[in-house]
N, C-alpha and C. Protein backbone atom coordinates (compact mmCIF):
# COMPACT_ATOMS: atom_id res chain seq x y z
N MET A 1 68.67 -35.48 65.02
CA MET A 1 67.53 -34.41 65.47
C MET A 1 66.79 -34.09 66.47
N SER A 2 66.31 -32.88 67.20
CA SER A 2 65.55 -33.54 68.38
C SER A 2 64.19 -33.16 67.75
N SER A 3 63.11 -33.57 68.72
CA SER A 3 61.48 -33.51 67.40
C SER A 3 61.01 -31.77 67.65
N ASP A 4 61.64 -30.71 68.28
CA ASP A 4 61.39 -29.70 67.75
C ASP A 4 62.24 -29.16 66.59
N GLU A 5 63.37 -29.26 66.29
CA GLU A 5 64.13 -29.50 65.36
C GLU A 5 63.92 -30.10 63.92
N ARG A 6 62.86 -30.85 64.28
CA ARG A 6 62.17 -31.92 63.20
C ARG A 6 61.00 -31.09 62.56
N GLU A 7 60.66 -30.48 63.66
CA GLU A 7 59.24 -29.89 63.27
C GLU A 7 59.97 -28.06 62.71
N ILE A 8 60.99 -27.88 62.66
CA ILE A 8 61.55 -26.54 62.39
C ILE A 8 61.62 -26.81 61.20
N PHE A 9 62.47 -28.20 60.56
CA PHE A 9 62.98 -28.44 59.54
C PHE A 9 62.40 -28.74 58.48
N HIS A 10 61.08 -29.36 59.11
CA HIS A 10 59.84 -30.04 58.16
C HIS A 10 59.12 -28.37 57.51
N TYR A 11 59.10 -27.39 58.40
CA TYR A 11 58.29 -26.39 57.88
C TYR A 11 59.21 -25.90 57.33
N LEU A 12 60.67 -25.38 57.12
CA LEU A 12 61.16 -24.88 56.42
C LEU A 12 61.72 -25.28 55.18
N LYS A 13 61.52 -26.73 55.18
CA LYS A 13 60.92 -27.36 53.76
C LYS A 13 60.56 -26.76 52.57
N THR A 14 59.06 -26.59 53.46
CA THR A 14 57.86 -26.14 52.62
C THR A 14 58.16 -24.90 52.02
N TRP A 15 59.48 -24.38 52.61
CA TRP A 15 59.62 -22.84 51.76
C TRP A 15 60.53 -23.33 50.77
N GLY A 16 61.35 -24.28 50.44
CA GLY A 16 61.98 -24.50 49.89
C GLY A 16 63.50 -23.35 49.85
N ALA A 17 63.84 -22.95 48.80
CA ALA A 17 65.30 -21.63 48.72
C ALA A 17 64.83 -20.17 49.19
N GLU A 18 64.01 -20.14 49.85
CA GLU A 18 63.19 -18.95 50.80
C GLU A 18 63.58 -18.68 51.83
N PHE A 19 64.19 -17.63 52.26
CA PHE A 19 64.19 -17.24 53.53
C PHE A 19 63.49 -17.45 54.44
N THR A 20 63.31 -17.68 55.53
CA THR A 20 61.62 -17.10 56.27
C THR A 20 62.52 -16.74 57.84
N GLY A 21 61.72 -15.69 58.36
CA GLY A 21 61.90 -15.42 59.59
C GLY A 21 61.64 -16.28 60.69
N ALA A 22 62.60 -15.70 61.93
CA ALA A 22 62.51 -16.66 62.99
C ALA A 22 61.24 -16.58 63.93
N LYS A 23 60.55 -15.88 63.62
CA LYS A 23 59.40 -15.01 63.97
C LYS A 23 58.00 -16.05 63.26
N GLU A 24 58.12 -16.13 62.05
CA GLU A 24 57.34 -16.79 61.14
C GLU A 24 57.47 -18.29 61.62
N VAL A 25 58.66 -19.09 61.90
CA VAL A 25 59.03 -20.29 62.12
C VAL A 25 58.26 -20.42 63.41
N SER A 26 58.79 -19.41 64.64
CA SER A 26 57.68 -19.82 65.66
C SER A 26 56.16 -19.98 65.96
N ARG A 27 55.88 -19.22 64.97
CA ARG A 27 54.45 -19.02 64.80
C ARG A 27 53.75 -20.30 64.16
N ARG A 28 54.62 -20.66 62.93
CA ARG A 28 53.98 -21.71 62.56
C ARG A 28 54.64 -23.24 62.54
N ALA A 29 55.68 -23.54 62.94
CA ALA A 29 56.60 -24.50 63.16
C ALA A 29 55.83 -25.38 64.17
N GLY A 30 55.34 -24.74 65.64
CA GLY A 30 54.87 -25.24 66.52
C GLY A 30 53.42 -24.76 66.63
N THR A 31 52.62 -25.28 67.86
CA THR A 31 51.28 -25.13 68.02
C THR A 31 51.23 -23.83 68.36
N LYS A 32 49.72 -22.72 68.32
CA LYS A 32 49.46 -21.58 68.67
C LYS A 32 49.90 -21.27 70.36
N GLN A 33 49.30 -22.71 71.37
CA GLN A 33 49.76 -22.49 72.55
C GLN A 33 50.95 -22.53 72.66
N ARG A 34 51.76 -23.13 72.09
CA ARG A 34 53.44 -23.05 72.50
C ARG A 34 53.86 -21.54 71.93
N PHE A 35 53.38 -20.92 70.99
CA PHE A 35 53.80 -19.70 70.56
C PHE A 35 53.21 -18.40 71.53
N HIS A 36 51.74 -18.34 72.13
CA HIS A 36 51.74 -18.09 72.95
C HIS A 36 52.31 -18.11 74.21
N GLU A 37 52.54 -19.17 74.35
CA GLU A 37 53.73 -19.07 76.08
C GLU A 37 54.84 -18.72 75.57
N ASP A 38 55.51 -18.68 74.58
CA ASP A 38 56.90 -18.18 74.42
C ASP A 38 57.36 -18.23 73.03
N PRO A 39 56.79 -16.95 72.50
CA PRO A 39 56.97 -16.37 71.12
C PRO A 39 58.61 -17.04 70.52
N ASP A 40 59.37 -17.26 70.99
CA ASP A 40 60.88 -17.05 70.42
C ASP A 40 61.30 -18.23 70.65
N TRP A 41 60.75 -19.17 71.10
CA TRP A 41 60.82 -20.95 71.75
C TRP A 41 61.99 -21.19 70.68
N ALA A 42 61.70 -20.76 69.23
CA ALA A 42 62.57 -21.41 67.98
C ALA A 42 63.88 -20.90 67.80
N LYS A 43 64.25 -19.86 68.38
CA LYS A 43 65.23 -19.14 68.14
C LYS A 43 66.40 -19.92 68.64
N PRO A 44 66.59 -20.24 69.52
CA PRO A 44 67.72 -21.31 70.27
C PRO A 44 68.06 -22.39 68.95
N LEU A 45 67.08 -23.13 68.57
CA LEU A 45 66.88 -24.35 68.07
C LEU A 45 67.56 -23.67 66.25
N LEU A 46 66.58 -22.63 66.22
CA LEU A 46 67.53 -22.36 64.66
C LEU A 46 69.08 -21.95 64.52
N MET A 47 69.43 -21.44 65.76
CA MET A 47 71.11 -20.74 65.69
C MET A 47 71.74 -21.99 66.08
N ALA A 48 71.21 -23.20 67.07
CA ALA A 48 72.12 -24.37 67.20
C ALA A 48 72.27 -25.11 65.58
N MET A 49 71.17 -24.91 64.97
CA MET A 49 70.85 -25.86 63.30
C MET A 49 71.81 -25.11 62.41
N THR A 50 72.20 -23.74 62.67
CA THR A 50 72.45 -22.91 61.57
C THR A 50 73.97 -23.58 62.26
N GLU A 51 74.58 -23.42 63.06
CA GLU A 51 75.89 -23.87 63.37
C GLU A 51 76.52 -25.34 63.39
N ARG A 52 75.50 -26.16 63.39
CA ARG A 52 75.82 -27.27 62.76
C ARG A 52 75.77 -27.77 61.35
N GLY A 53 75.33 -26.84 60.48
CA GLY A 53 75.41 -26.54 59.02
C GLY A 53 74.29 -27.27 58.44
N VAL A 54 73.19 -27.38 59.07
CA VAL A 54 71.88 -27.93 59.09
C VAL A 54 70.67 -26.53 58.03
N LEU A 55 71.06 -25.68 58.69
CA LEU A 55 70.20 -24.18 58.51
C LEU A 55 71.57 -23.30 57.78
N GLU A 56 70.76 -22.10 56.89
CA GLU A 56 71.91 -20.86 56.58
C GLU A 56 70.69 -19.83 56.86
N VAL A 57 71.35 -18.77 57.33
CA VAL A 57 71.11 -17.12 57.70
C VAL A 57 71.49 -16.29 56.85
N ASP A 58 70.70 -15.47 56.19
CA ASP A 58 71.05 -14.75 55.50
C ASP A 58 71.33 -13.03 56.39
N SER A 59 71.40 -11.92 55.84
CA SER A 59 72.14 -10.72 55.86
C SER A 59 70.97 -10.25 57.42
N MET A 60 69.72 -10.29 56.75
CA MET A 60 68.67 -10.21 57.40
C MET A 60 68.21 -10.83 58.83
N GLY A 61 68.85 -11.77 58.82
CA GLY A 61 68.35 -13.17 60.09
C GLY A 61 67.74 -13.94 59.58
N ARG A 62 67.06 -13.61 58.44
CA ARG A 62 66.08 -14.86 58.08
C ARG A 62 66.99 -16.47 57.57
N TYR A 63 65.98 -17.63 58.13
CA TYR A 63 66.90 -18.63 57.80
C TYR A 63 66.22 -19.94 56.67
N ARG A 64 66.96 -20.71 56.64
CA ARG A 64 66.35 -21.17 55.20
C ARG A 64 67.33 -22.56 55.17
N ILE A 65 66.91 -23.96 54.82
CA ILE A 65 67.69 -25.11 55.15
C ILE A 65 68.98 -24.93 53.88
N LYS A 66 69.67 -25.47 54.61
CA LYS A 66 71.03 -25.20 53.57
C LYS A 66 71.48 -26.03 52.19
N PRO A 67 71.03 -25.25 51.05
CA PRO A 67 71.19 -26.72 50.12
C PRO A 67 72.78 -27.57 49.90
N GLU A 68 72.51 -28.71 49.42
CA GLU A 68 73.74 -29.24 49.14
C GLU A 68 74.39 -29.24 47.86
N ARG A 69 75.70 -28.57 48.26
CA ARG A 69 76.91 -28.54 47.55
C ARG A 69 76.88 -29.62 46.42
N LYS A 70 76.78 -29.57 45.22
CA LYS A 70 77.31 -30.58 44.33
C LYS A 70 78.54 -30.44 43.72
N LYS A 71 79.16 -31.84 43.64
CA LYS A 71 80.27 -31.97 43.81
C LYS A 71 80.92 -32.05 42.19
N GLY A 72 82.20 -31.47 41.99
CA GLY A 72 82.44 -31.51 40.39
C GLY A 72 82.76 -29.83 39.93
N GLY A 73 82.72 -29.39 40.87
CA GLY A 73 83.15 -27.67 39.59
C GLY A 73 81.81 -27.10 39.55
N LYS A 74 82.14 -25.79 39.02
CA LYS A 74 81.73 -24.70 39.61
C LYS A 74 80.19 -24.63 38.40
N GLN A 75 79.11 -24.28 39.16
CA GLN A 75 77.90 -23.85 38.53
C GLN A 75 77.65 -22.94 38.05
N ARG A 76 76.81 -23.18 36.70
CA ARG A 76 77.09 -21.80 35.83
C ARG A 76 74.99 -21.68 35.78
N TRP A 77 74.56 -20.46 35.69
CA TRP A 77 73.32 -20.09 35.37
C TRP A 77 73.28 -20.25 34.18
N VAL A 78 71.80 -20.53 33.82
CA VAL A 78 71.45 -20.63 33.01
C VAL A 78 70.07 -20.36 32.35
N SER A 79 69.95 -19.30 31.46
CA SER A 79 68.39 -18.71 31.28
C SER A 79 67.86 -19.69 30.95
N PRO A 80 66.33 -19.62 31.30
CA PRO A 80 65.44 -20.51 30.68
C PRO A 80 64.74 -21.07 29.43
N ASP A 81 65.14 -19.81 28.60
CA ASP A 81 64.96 -19.58 27.45
C ASP A 81 66.34 -20.72 26.29
N ILE A 82 67.34 -20.44 26.71
CA ILE A 82 68.74 -21.02 26.79
C ILE A 82 68.54 -22.47 26.64
N GLU A 83 67.94 -23.00 27.91
CA GLU A 83 67.84 -24.39 28.60
C GLU A 83 66.98 -25.15 27.60
N LYS A 84 65.93 -24.31 27.16
CA LYS A 84 64.74 -24.99 26.23
C LYS A 84 65.09 -25.28 25.47
N ILE A 85 66.38 -24.50 24.34
CA ILE A 85 66.77 -24.73 23.47
C ILE A 85 67.73 -25.57 23.37
N LEU A 86 68.56 -25.66 24.44
CA LEU A 86 69.76 -26.98 24.60
C LEU A 86 68.95 -27.57 24.47
N LYS A 87 67.94 -28.20 25.23
CA LYS A 87 67.10 -29.58 25.48
C LYS A 87 66.84 -29.90 24.36
N GLU A 88 65.85 -28.92 23.54
CA GLU A 88 65.52 -29.42 21.94
C GLU A 88 66.87 -30.10 21.37
N LYS A 89 67.74 -29.43 21.31
CA LYS A 89 69.07 -30.42 20.78
C LYS A 89 69.47 -31.46 21.29
N GLY A 90 69.44 -31.97 22.52
CA GLY A 90 69.56 -32.77 23.18
C GLY A 90 70.74 -32.28 24.10
N VAL A 91 71.29 -32.02 24.22
CA VAL A 91 72.11 -31.27 25.24
C VAL A 91 71.39 -30.93 26.85
N GLU A 92 72.23 -32.12 27.55
CA GLU A 92 72.05 -31.69 28.79
C GLU A 92 72.35 -30.78 29.97
N VAL A 93 71.83 -29.79 30.41
CA VAL A 93 72.77 -28.89 31.30
C VAL A 93 72.45 -28.96 32.86
N GLU A 94 73.30 -29.46 33.26
CA GLU A 94 73.31 -29.28 34.68
C GLU A 94 73.46 -27.96 35.64
N GLY A 95 72.28 -28.42 36.34
CA GLY A 95 72.24 -27.13 37.34
C GLY A 95 71.17 -26.06 36.50
N ALA A 96 70.94 -26.68 35.37
CA ALA A 96 69.73 -25.24 34.77
C ALA A 96 68.80 -25.53 35.52
N GLY A 97 67.64 -24.54 35.96
CA GLY A 97 66.71 -24.61 36.80
C GLY A 97 66.26 -25.31 38.32
N SER A 98 67.56 -25.39 38.73
CA SER A 98 67.42 -26.03 39.78
C SER A 98 67.52 -24.90 40.89
N GLU A 99 66.30 -24.70 42.02
CA GLU A 99 66.82 -23.36 42.26
C GLU A 99 66.86 -23.60 44.00
N GLY A 100 66.38 -24.44 44.31
CA GLY A 100 66.75 -25.05 45.59
C GLY A 100 68.20 -26.28 45.90
N GLY A 101 68.26 -27.16 45.40
CA GLY A 101 69.06 -28.24 45.39
C GLY A 101 69.31 -29.01 46.98
N LEU A 102 68.01 -28.99 47.68
CA LEU A 102 67.76 -29.78 48.63
C LEU A 102 68.34 -31.11 49.15
N ALA A 103 68.95 -31.45 50.08
CA ALA A 103 69.64 -33.21 50.40
C ALA A 103 68.37 -33.84 50.82
N PRO A 104 68.33 -35.19 50.40
CA PRO A 104 67.78 -35.88 50.89
C PRO A 104 67.40 -35.66 52.40
N ASP A 105 66.58 -36.21 53.43
CA ASP A 105 66.43 -36.07 54.94
C ASP A 105 67.31 -36.50 55.66
N GLU A 106 67.90 -37.25 55.26
CA GLU A 106 69.00 -38.40 56.29
C GLU A 106 69.75 -37.64 56.19
N HIS A 107 70.37 -37.06 54.67
CA HIS A 107 71.68 -36.13 54.86
C HIS A 107 71.62 -35.10 56.22
N TYR A 108 70.68 -34.40 56.62
CA TYR A 108 70.57 -33.42 57.45
C TYR A 108 69.94 -34.00 59.31
N GLU A 109 69.84 -35.34 58.80
CA GLU A 109 69.69 -36.03 60.24
C GLU A 109 70.76 -36.30 60.66
N GLN A 110 72.20 -36.65 59.77
CA GLN A 110 73.70 -37.03 60.15
C GLN A 110 74.08 -35.63 60.60
N LEU A 111 73.51 -34.10 60.49
CA LEU A 111 74.46 -33.06 60.74
C LEU A 111 74.20 -32.75 62.09
C-alpha cells in the first residue's frame, strides 16, 4: 500500500464496521490543506482499494474495510440475551457479538 492508501486505511479502521462517505474520507484522512487543494483526492484511491479487495462499498457509495471471512461454515446471528444465557451455561458461540471481524493489518497489506 502507498502512504496515501495507508492513511485512508487507518482512518477507516477507526470507523470499524460502519460505512463512511468518500467526501468524509477526503476531509479527515489527509490534511486540511490537501482537502482544500483537491476535495476529491481520495476517490481514485478508494476505488483502487475496492478493486483489490481491501475495501467494500455499499449501495450509497460509502466505504469501509472489508471484514475477513471466517472459514468453516455459515455464521449465525445470536441475540445478546441468548448469548449471555449460553455463556453462563459454558457454551461458546462463534460469531456472537462480533460486529466487524477485521483481519490484522498484515492481511490488508498483502492485497
